C-alpha cells in the first residue's frame, strides 16, 4: 500500500513518541554492542517514556540491513528480552529505507485493522558486520570436524592456503552494476555538474547546523544515553561524528576516495559508517486518545519508487517526492520543512537540482513544470546524515523524530522527508504535526 494512510476506521496513523541512541562512528564508542543490543535499549526507553503496559503493544517491526547469524530476527528478540513474550515481531530490510519501511509497514497493519499500537524501529552496528571467509576454508573446516583420525585432519589442513584465512569484507558493490554507491555518486556529480566546492560547502553547513542544534538542546531530548560494556560505568551520550569546528579548508584537504584521480567525493562529504538505533511508536489516532497519549504528528502519505540503476542510482527521491505529494493532495509550496537523507553531499545536491528542474519534470515525470523550488533555510535545519552519521536502518527513525519535533518547535504544520537507497530506490514521506 503506497496510498495515503491518513484515514481508516481507527482514525489517522499517529506517531506518539520516539527515541534514538547517540550515533557513533563505527569501531568507536558503541562497538561492543550489536544491532540487537541497541534495539532493545531504545525500545525499552520508549516504552518507559510512554508508560505503556505490555498488553497495549500489538507488534514490533524492526529494520536492519546487515544482520548477524546470531540476530536474524531482532523484531522478535526485542519483545522477548523485554518480557513481552506474547508480542510478535519481525525484521525487514530495504537498504537505507529500512527504518522508514518498518514505520510504513506498521502503518499498513494499523490501517487494515491488524493492530492499533506497533513499535517500529531500526538499528545497525557497522562495527559488528558479518565476517565471511573463503569457501575453501569453510569446506576444509567442515572436513576437519568430520575427520576421525589425525592423519585425515592434517591432510585436510594441507589443502588450505594461508590467504584463505583472510576474511572477505561485506560486498559494497551494486550487484547489477559492479559499482559502489560512492562510485555511482561520482557519476551523478559529473552528470549534474556538482563541484567539489559545492559538496564541501554543503557538508560544512550540515555539521554547523547539527552542532548548533546540539548546543541549543534541540536534539538532546530525543536521545537516550547508552551504558557501555563491559563495566557499564560510563555513558555514551552524544553523537560523536558532528564536527562544528570544521572548515572549508580542512574539508578541501581530504583526498577523493572513490575516484582517486578525478573524483570529488571524500570521506568528508560522504556519510560515515555508523552504529546506532532509533524507534518510534506508531498508533491509530483513536488508540492514542484512549491511552491519553499526545500524538507528535501523523503520517499523511508516502511513496516508494524504483528507477534504473544507471545512470543515477541515488536519484530515487526526485521521483518519489511528487508522488507522495500527490497522494497527500499537496504541492511542494505547501511544505514547511524538509529532511533529505545525506548519503553524500553530491546526492543531495543532485536530487534538489532535479526537483527544481522543468526539463526533468517534463522528460522524467510527465509534468508541465518543476516539482518545486528548494528553500535551503528549511532543508535539514538541524543538519543531516553527513554530520550525524548513517547507521543504515536507524536513519529513517532519526529523520522522523527530528522532523516532527522541529515542526512542533517552530509551530509549523507539514514536513517532507526523503531517503535514497542502494538498488536504485527512493522513498518520500509527508508528515503532519499534531
Protein backbone atom coordinates (compact mmCIF):
# COMPACT_ATOMS: atom_id res chain seq x y z
CA UNK A 1 0.00 0.00 0.00
CA UNK A 2 1.60 3.21 -1.16
CA UNK A 3 -1.58 5.23 -0.94
CA UNK A 4 -2.30 7.77 1.73
CA UNK A 5 -2.69 6.15 5.19
CA UNK A 6 -4.36 9.23 6.60
CA UNK A 7 -7.88 7.87 7.05
CA UNK A 8 -9.11 4.50 8.29
CA UNK A 9 -11.64 3.19 10.77
CA UNK A 10 -9.18 3.83 13.60
CA UNK A 11 -8.54 7.43 12.56
CA UNK A 12 -5.24 8.78 11.33
CA UNK A 13 -1.91 7.00 11.75
CA UNK A 14 -0.08 8.74 14.56
CA UNK A 15 3.50 8.87 15.77
CA UNK A 16 3.20 9.24 19.54
CA UNK A 17 6.82 9.11 20.60
CA UNK A 18 10.34 8.33 19.51
CA UNK A 19 13.85 7.91 20.82
CA UNK A 20 17.29 7.07 19.49
CA UNK A 21 20.76 6.34 20.72
CA UNK A 22 23.50 8.83 20.06
CA UNK A 23 25.12 7.81 16.78
CA UNK A 24 28.74 6.69 16.84
CA UNK A 25 31.31 6.28 14.13
CA UNK A 26 31.90 2.57 13.56
CA UNK A 27 34.55 0.95 15.77
CA UNK A 28 34.31 3.66 18.41
CA UNK A 29 32.01 4.09 21.42
CA UNK A 30 29.25 1.62 20.50
CA UNK A 31 31.44 -1.11 19.01
CA UNK A 32 30.80 -3.56 21.86
CA UNK A 33 27.03 -3.50 21.27
CA UNK A 34 25.41 -5.27 18.33
CA UNK A 35 22.28 -4.21 16.45
CA UNK A 36 20.06 -6.32 18.70
CA UNK A 37 21.55 -4.79 21.87
CA UNK A 38 20.91 -1.30 20.54
CA UNK A 39 17.36 -2.22 19.51
CA UNK A 40 16.48 -3.50 22.98
CA UNK A 41 17.92 -0.39 24.60
CA UNK A 42 15.91 2.17 22.62
CA UNK A 43 12.72 0.11 22.72
CA UNK A 44 12.86 -0.24 26.48
CA UNK A 45 13.42 3.51 26.79
CA UNK A 46 10.46 4.27 24.51
CA UNK A 47 8.13 2.01 26.49
CA UNK A 48 9.20 3.62 29.75
CA UNK A 49 8.82 7.16 28.44
CA UNK A 50 5.29 6.44 27.23
CA UNK A 51 4.35 4.39 30.28
CA UNK A 52 2.99 1.55 28.15
CA UNK A 53 1.63 -1.66 29.63
CA UNK A 54 2.61 -4.89 27.84
CA UNK A 55 -0.90 -5.65 26.62
CA UNK A 56 -1.03 -2.37 24.72
CA UNK A 57 1.73 -3.37 22.26
CA UNK A 58 0.43 -5.39 19.33
CA UNK A 59 3.63 -5.96 17.38
CA UNK A 60 7.27 -4.99 16.86
CA UNK A 61 8.54 -4.27 13.34
CA UNK A 62 12.29 -3.83 13.01
CA UNK A 63 14.63 -2.86 10.21
CA UNK A 64 18.25 -3.85 9.78
CA UNK A 65 20.44 -4.07 6.70
CA UNK A 66 23.31 -6.27 7.90
CA UNK A 67 22.01 -8.81 10.43
CA UNK A 68 24.36 -11.31 12.02
CA UNK A 69 23.71 -15.05 12.14
CA UNK A 70 23.05 -14.80 15.88
CA UNK A 71 20.49 -11.99 15.49
CA UNK A 72 18.38 -12.86 12.47
CA UNK A 73 15.03 -11.63 13.83
CA UNK A 74 15.66 -8.61 16.02
CA UNK A 75 11.96 -7.71 15.82
CA UNK A 76 11.16 -10.81 17.87
CA UNK A 77 14.28 -10.77 20.05
CA UNK A 78 13.35 -7.33 21.39
CA UNK A 79 9.98 -8.21 22.97
CA UNK A 80 11.32 -11.47 24.39
CA UNK A 81 14.25 -9.68 26.01
CA UNK A 82 11.93 -7.03 27.46
CA UNK A 83 9.49 -9.52 28.99
CA UNK A 84 6.90 -9.11 26.23
CA UNK A 85 6.97 -12.72 25.11
CA UNK A 86 3.42 -12.63 23.75
CA UNK A 87 4.19 -9.74 21.37
CA UNK A 88 5.01 -10.95 17.85
CA UNK A 89 7.72 -9.29 15.83
CA UNK A 90 9.60 -9.49 12.57
CA UNK A 91 12.62 -7.98 10.88
CA UNK A 92 12.84 -6.47 7.42
CA UNK A 93 15.47 -4.96 5.20
CA UNK A 94 15.14 -2.39 2.45
CA UNK A 95 18.63 -0.93 2.42
CA UNK A 96 18.78 2.64 3.73
CA UNK A 97 14.97 2.89 3.73
CA UNK A 98 14.62 0.02 6.22
CA UNK A 99 13.72 2.33 9.11
CA UNK A 100 11.01 4.06 7.10
CA UNK A 101 9.79 0.70 5.79
CA UNK A 102 9.31 -0.52 9.37
CA UNK A 103 7.19 2.56 10.08
CA UNK A 104 5.05 2.29 6.94
CA UNK A 105 4.61 -1.46 7.45
CA UNK A 106 3.33 -0.70 10.94
CA UNK A 107 1.01 1.94 9.48
CA UNK A 108 -0.38 -0.55 6.98
CA UNK A 109 -1.09 -3.12 9.69
CA UNK A 110 -2.96 -0.49 11.68
CA UNK A 111 -4.86 0.76 8.65
CA UNK A 112 -6.04 -2.74 7.80
CA UNK A 113 -7.14 -3.40 11.38
CA UNK A 114 -4.40 -5.87 12.30
CA UNK A 115 -3.12 -3.79 15.19
CA UNK A 116 -3.54 -0.47 16.92
CA UNK A 117 -0.16 0.11 18.58
CA UNK A 118 3.04 -1.05 16.90
CA UNK A 119 6.66 -0.38 17.75
CA UNK A 120 8.71 0.38 14.62
CA UNK A 121 12.44 0.89 14.61
CA UNK A 122 15.79 0.16 13.07
CA UNK A 123 19.34 -0.46 14.22
CA UNK A 124 22.71 -1.07 12.71
CA UNK A 125 26.12 -1.99 14.04
CA UNK A 126 28.69 -1.47 11.35
CA UNK A 127 31.29 -2.43 13.96
CA UNK A 128 29.84 -5.93 14.03
CA UNK A 129 29.05 -6.76 10.43
CA UNK A 130 29.19 -10.44 9.48
CA UNK A 131 32.66 -11.65 8.51
CA UNK A 132 32.76 -14.04 5.55
CA UNK A 133 35.64 -16.41 4.83
CA UNK A 134 36.56 -18.10 1.58
CA UNK A 135 34.60 -21.21 0.64
CA UNK A 136 37.77 -23.35 0.56
CA UNK A 137 38.46 -22.59 4.22
CA UNK A 138 34.87 -23.33 5.24
CA UNK A 139 34.90 -26.64 3.38
CA UNK A 140 38.23 -27.57 4.96
CA UNK A 141 36.92 -26.78 8.45
CA UNK A 142 33.88 -28.91 7.79
CA UNK A 143 36.07 -31.84 6.71
CA UNK A 144 38.28 -31.28 9.74
CA UNK A 145 35.27 -31.51 12.03
CA UNK A 146 34.17 -34.78 10.45
CA UNK A 147 37.64 -36.39 10.26
CA UNK A 148 38.07 -39.43 12.51
CA UNK A 149 41.84 -39.55 12.59
CA UNK A 150 44.73 -37.12 12.96
CA UNK A 151 46.02 -38.17 9.59
CA UNK A 152 42.84 -37.12 7.83
CA UNK A 153 42.80 -33.87 9.78
CA UNK A 154 46.34 -33.00 8.71
CA UNK A 155 45.51 -33.89 5.11
CA UNK A 156 42.54 -31.53 5.22
CA UNK A 157 44.61 -28.69 6.65
CA UNK A 158 47.23 -29.03 3.90
CA UNK A 159 44.56 -28.10 1.36
CA UNK A 160 44.12 -24.70 2.97
CA UNK A 161 46.22 -21.77 1.78
CA UNK A 162 47.37 -19.02 4.11
CA UNK A 163 45.36 -16.45 2.14
CA UNK A 164 42.18 -18.41 2.82
CA UNK A 165 42.27 -17.17 6.40
CA UNK A 166 41.79 -13.56 5.29
CA UNK A 167 38.14 -12.51 5.72
CA UNK A 168 36.14 -11.17 2.81
CA UNK A 169 34.60 -7.77 3.67
CA UNK A 170 30.85 -7.28 3.10
CA UNK A 171 30.11 -6.50 -0.53
CA UNK A 172 29.53 -2.82 -1.21
CA UNK A 173 29.08 -3.06 -4.95
CA UNK A 174 25.70 -2.93 -6.63
CA UNK A 175 25.04 -6.45 -7.92
CA UNK A 176 23.56 -5.09 -11.15
CA UNK A 177 26.44 -2.73 -11.98
CA UNK A 178 29.53 -3.80 -10.04
CA UNK A 179 29.97 -0.23 -8.78
CA UNK A 180 29.74 1.01 -5.21
CA UNK A 181 27.30 3.72 -4.17
CA UNK A 182 30.23 6.10 -3.92
CA UNK A 183 31.27 5.36 -7.48
CA UNK A 184 27.69 5.82 -8.64
CA UNK A 185 27.52 9.15 -6.85
CA UNK A 186 30.73 10.22 -8.56
CA UNK A 187 28.90 9.65 -11.84
CA UNK A 188 25.95 11.67 -10.57
CA UNK A 189 28.22 14.55 -9.62
CA UNK A 190 29.74 14.54 -13.10
CA UNK A 191 26.41 14.26 -14.93
CA UNK A 192 24.81 17.04 -12.87
CA UNK A 193 27.83 19.31 -12.73
CA UNK A 194 28.13 19.20 -8.93
CA UNK A 195 31.55 20.57 -8.00
CA UNK A 196 33.81 19.55 -5.13
CA UNK A 197 33.48 23.07 -3.72
CA UNK A 198 29.68 22.82 -3.64
CA UNK A 199 29.83 19.43 -1.94
CA UNK A 200 32.23 20.61 0.75
CA UNK A 201 30.21 23.77 1.38
CA UNK A 202 27.04 21.74 1.82
CA UNK A 203 28.85 19.33 4.16
CA UNK A 204 30.13 22.17 6.31
CA UNK A 205 26.61 23.57 6.65
CA UNK A 206 25.31 20.16 7.77
CA UNK A 207 27.94 19.92 10.53
CA UNK A 208 27.44 23.51 11.64
CA UNK A 209 23.67 23.11 11.86
CA UNK A 210 23.98 19.82 13.77
CA UNK A 211 26.47 21.38 16.19
CA UNK A 212 24.16 24.36 16.73
CA UNK A 213 21.18 22.06 17.32
CA UNK A 214 23.12 20.09 19.90
CA UNK A 215 24.39 23.21 21.66
CA UNK A 216 20.85 24.59 21.83
CA UNK A 217 19.48 21.31 23.19
CA UNK A 218 17.19 20.75 20.22
CA UNK A 219 18.17 17.10 19.78
CA UNK A 220 19.18 16.15 23.30
CA UNK A 221 15.71 15.15 24.46
CA UNK A 222 15.39 12.61 21.67
CA UNK A 223 18.49 10.70 22.81
CA UNK A 224 18.90 8.03 25.44
CA UNK A 225 22.39 7.64 26.94
CA UNK A 226 23.98 4.23 26.41
CA UNK A 227 25.62 2.43 29.32
CA UNK A 228 28.76 0.94 27.81
CA UNK A 229 30.01 -2.58 28.49
CA UNK A 230 31.83 -4.32 29.94
CA UNK A 231 31.70 -2.48 33.29
CA UNK A 232 28.75 -0.19 32.46
CA UNK A 233 30.36 2.60 34.45
CA UNK A 234 30.50 5.00 31.52
CA UNK A 235 27.73 6.50 29.39
CA UNK A 236 27.84 7.45 25.74
CA UNK A 237 25.50 10.41 25.49
CA UNK A 238 26.35 12.50 22.38
CA UNK A 239 26.70 11.86 18.65
CA UNK A 240 30.42 11.64 18.04
CA UNK A 241 30.70 12.45 14.31
CA UNK A 242 29.47 16.07 14.41
CA UNK A 243 32.30 18.50 13.67
CA UNK A 244 31.04 22.00 14.26
CA UNK A 245 34.58 23.37 14.20
CA UNK A 246 35.35 22.04 10.73
CA UNK A 247 36.18 24.41 7.87
CA UNK A 248 36.20 24.51 4.10
CA UNK A 249 39.98 24.47 4.22
CA UNK A 250 40.03 21.25 6.24
CA UNK A 251 37.42 19.59 4.03
CA UNK A 252 39.30 20.71 0.94
CA UNK A 253 42.45 18.90 2.06
CA UNK A 254 40.78 15.48 2.03
CA UNK A 255 41.57 13.24 -0.90
CA UNK A 256 38.92 11.65 -3.14
CA UNK A 257 38.18 8.05 -2.13
CA UNK A 258 36.06 6.56 -4.93
CA UNK A 259 37.89 8.02 -7.92
CA UNK A 260 41.34 8.96 -6.69
CA UNK A 261 42.43 10.72 -9.88
CA UNK A 262 39.42 12.71 -10.99
CA UNK A 263 36.83 12.29 -8.23
CA UNK A 264 35.21 14.83 -5.92
CA UNK A 265 33.78 12.56 -3.19
CA UNK A 266 35.82 12.38 0.01
CA UNK A 267 35.41 10.90 3.46
CA UNK A 268 34.24 14.36 4.49
CA UNK A 269 31.42 14.89 2.02
CA UNK A 270 30.24 11.27 2.29
CA UNK A 271 28.33 9.87 5.27
CA UNK A 272 30.38 7.74 7.66
CA UNK A 273 29.90 4.11 8.62
CA UNK A 274 27.94 4.38 11.85
CA UNK A 275 26.45 2.44 14.77
CA UNK A 276 23.09 3.37 16.28
CA UNK A 277 19.38 2.70 16.72
CA UNK A 278 16.10 4.60 16.59
CA UNK A 279 12.49 3.68 17.33
CA UNK A 280 9.04 5.27 17.18
CA UNK A 281 5.60 4.29 18.44
CA UNK A 282 3.02 4.04 15.66
CA UNK A 283 -0.62 4.10 16.80
CA UNK A 284 -4.06 4.63 15.47
CA UNK A 285 -5.35 8.04 16.41
CA UNK A 286 -8.21 6.52 18.40
CA UNK A 287 -5.90 4.21 20.36
CA UNK A 288 -3.61 7.09 21.30
CA UNK A 289 -6.59 9.05 22.60
CA UNK A 290 -7.85 6.04 24.57
CA UNK A 291 -4.47 5.80 26.29
CA UNK A 292 -4.22 9.53 26.90
CA UNK A 293 -1.09 9.83 24.75
CA UNK A 294 -0.33 13.00 22.86
CA UNK A 295 0.47 12.46 19.19
CA UNK A 296 3.58 14.15 17.84
CA UNK A 297 2.17 14.03 14.35
CA UNK A 298 0.54 11.95 11.64
CA UNK A 299 1.67 10.10 8.53
CA UNK A 300 -0.12 11.91 5.76
CA UNK A 301 1.28 10.00 2.78
CA UNK A 302 4.32 8.17 1.45
CA UNK A 303 5.61 6.69 -1.78
CA UNK A 304 8.29 4.18 -2.74
CA UNK A 305 9.80 4.13 -6.22
CA UNK A 306 12.40 2.17 -8.15
CA UNK A 307 14.47 3.54 -11.02
CA UNK A 308 17.10 2.08 -13.37
CA UNK A 309 20.47 1.75 -11.57
CA UNK A 310 22.16 3.64 -14.37
CA UNK A 311 22.90 6.43 -14.87
CA UNK A 312 21.87 7.92 -11.48
CA UNK A 313 21.46 5.27 -8.80
CA UNK A 314 20.53 7.54 -5.87
CA UNK A 315 18.10 9.86 -7.62
CA UNK A 316 15.01 7.99 -6.37
CA UNK A 317 13.71 10.80 -4.09
CA UNK A 318 13.31 13.09 -7.10
CA UNK A 319 10.72 10.59 -8.38
CA UNK A 320 9.08 9.58 -5.09
CA UNK A 321 8.57 13.14 -3.81
CA UNK A 322 5.96 14.31 -6.37
CA UNK A 323 4.13 11.00 -5.96
CA UNK A 324 3.94 11.37 -2.17
CA UNK A 325 2.76 14.97 -2.56
CA UNK A 326 0.03 13.91 -4.99
CA UNK A 327 -1.18 11.29 -2.54
CA UNK A 328 -1.32 13.91 0.21
CA UNK A 329 -3.12 16.39 -2.04
CA UNK A 330 -0.30 18.88 -1.57
CA UNK A 331 2.25 20.80 -3.56
CA UNK A 332 5.89 21.45 -2.77
CA UNK A 333 4.99 25.01 -1.79
CA UNK A 334 2.66 23.72 0.96
CA UNK A 335 5.56 22.21 2.91
CA UNK A 336 7.18 23.97 5.85
CA UNK A 337 10.26 21.81 6.48
CA UNK A 338 12.31 19.27 4.54
CA UNK A 339 14.57 16.41 5.57
CA UNK A 340 16.66 14.83 2.84
CA UNK A 341 18.92 11.95 3.80
CA UNK A 342 22.53 12.92 3.18
CA UNK A 343 24.19 9.75 1.92
CA UNK A 344 26.56 12.03 0.02
CA UNK A 345 26.55 15.78 -0.46
CA UNK A 346 26.56 15.25 -4.23
CA UNK A 347 23.47 13.07 -3.97
CA UNK A 348 21.51 15.73 -2.04
CA UNK A 349 22.55 18.42 -4.50
CA UNK A 350 21.60 16.19 -7.44
CA UNK A 351 18.14 15.44 -6.02
CA UNK A 352 17.39 19.09 -5.23
CA UNK A 353 18.62 20.08 -8.69
CA UNK A 354 16.11 17.71 -10.31
CA UNK A 355 13.25 18.82 -8.06
CA UNK A 356 13.82 22.36 -9.32
CA UNK A 357 14.18 21.38 -12.99
CA UNK A 358 11.41 21.97 -15.52
CA UNK A 359 13.13 19.75 -18.08
CA UNK A 360 13.44 16.88 -15.58
CA UNK A 361 9.75 17.25 -14.71
CA UNK A 362 8.72 17.12 -18.36
CA UNK A 363 11.08 14.38 -19.52
CA UNK A 364 11.07 12.08 -16.48
CA UNK A 365 7.89 12.81 -14.54
CA UNK A 366 5.48 13.75 -17.32
CA UNK A 367 4.71 17.04 -15.60
CA UNK A 368 4.49 20.51 -17.07
CA UNK A 369 6.75 22.19 -14.52
CA UNK A 370 9.30 21.54 -11.79
CA UNK A 371 8.24 19.88 -8.56
CA UNK A 372 9.26 22.96 -6.61
CA UNK A 373 11.89 25.43 -5.52
CA UNK A 374 14.03 24.31 -2.58
CA UNK A 375 14.30 26.76 0.30
CA UNK A 376 17.71 26.00 1.81
CA UNK A 377 16.71 27.67 5.07
CA UNK A 378 14.09 24.97 5.64
CA UNK A 379 16.11 21.95 4.45
CA UNK A 380 17.87 19.80 7.09
CA UNK A 381 17.73 22.67 9.54
CA UNK A 382 19.41 20.61 12.27
CA UNK A 383 21.94 19.01 9.96
CA UNK A 384 21.73 15.57 8.38
CA UNK A 385 23.48 12.26 7.91
CA UNK A 386 26.76 13.86 6.86
CA UNK A 387 27.01 15.21 10.41
CA UNK A 388 25.19 12.59 12.47
CA UNK A 389 26.35 9.54 10.54
CA UNK A 390 24.28 6.90 8.85
CA UNK A 391 23.51 3.66 10.73
CA UNK A 392 21.53 2.38 7.74
CA UNK A 393 18.25 1.17 9.26
CA UNK A 394 18.28 3.75 12.08
CA UNK A 395 18.42 6.82 9.87
CA UNK A 396 14.72 6.79 8.94
CA UNK A 397 13.62 6.89 12.56
CA UNK A 398 16.06 9.69 13.34
CA UNK A 399 14.64 11.75 10.50
CA UNK A 400 11.01 11.17 11.52
CA UNK A 401 11.76 12.13 15.13
CA UNK A 402 13.72 15.20 14.14
CA UNK A 403 11.19 16.43 11.59
CA UNK A 404 8.17 16.11 13.88
CA UNK A 405 9.98 17.69 16.82
CA UNK A 406 11.16 20.59 14.69
CA UNK A 407 7.66 21.18 13.30
CA UNK A 408 6.42 21.41 16.89
CA UNK A 409 9.20 23.76 17.95
CA UNK A 410 8.54 26.10 15.03
CA UNK A 411 4.75 25.79 15.23
CA UNK A 412 4.68 24.62 11.61
CA UNK A 413 2.39 22.04 10.08
CA UNK A 414 3.81 19.98 7.21
CA UNK A 415 7.13 18.34 6.51
CA UNK A 416 8.64 16.06 3.91
CA UNK A 417 11.44 13.54 4.34
CA UNK A 418 13.17 11.54 1.62
CA UNK A 419 15.69 8.72 1.58
CA UNK A 420 17.65 7.27 -1.33
CA UNK A 421 18.69 3.63 -1.19
CA UNK A 422 21.02 1.13 -2.75
CA UNK A 423 19.50 -0.93 -5.57
CA UNK A 424 18.17 2.32 -7.07
CA UNK A 425 15.10 3.01 -4.96
CA UNK A 426 13.75 6.00 -3.09
CA UNK A 427 11.07 6.85 -0.54
CA UNK A 428 9.35 10.08 0.41
CA UNK A 429 7.01 10.66 3.34
CA UNK A 430 4.78 13.60 4.23
CA UNK A 431 4.27 14.19 7.96
CA UNK A 432 1.77 16.49 9.62
CA UNK A 433 2.23 17.97 13.09
CA UNK A 434 -0.49 17.12 15.56
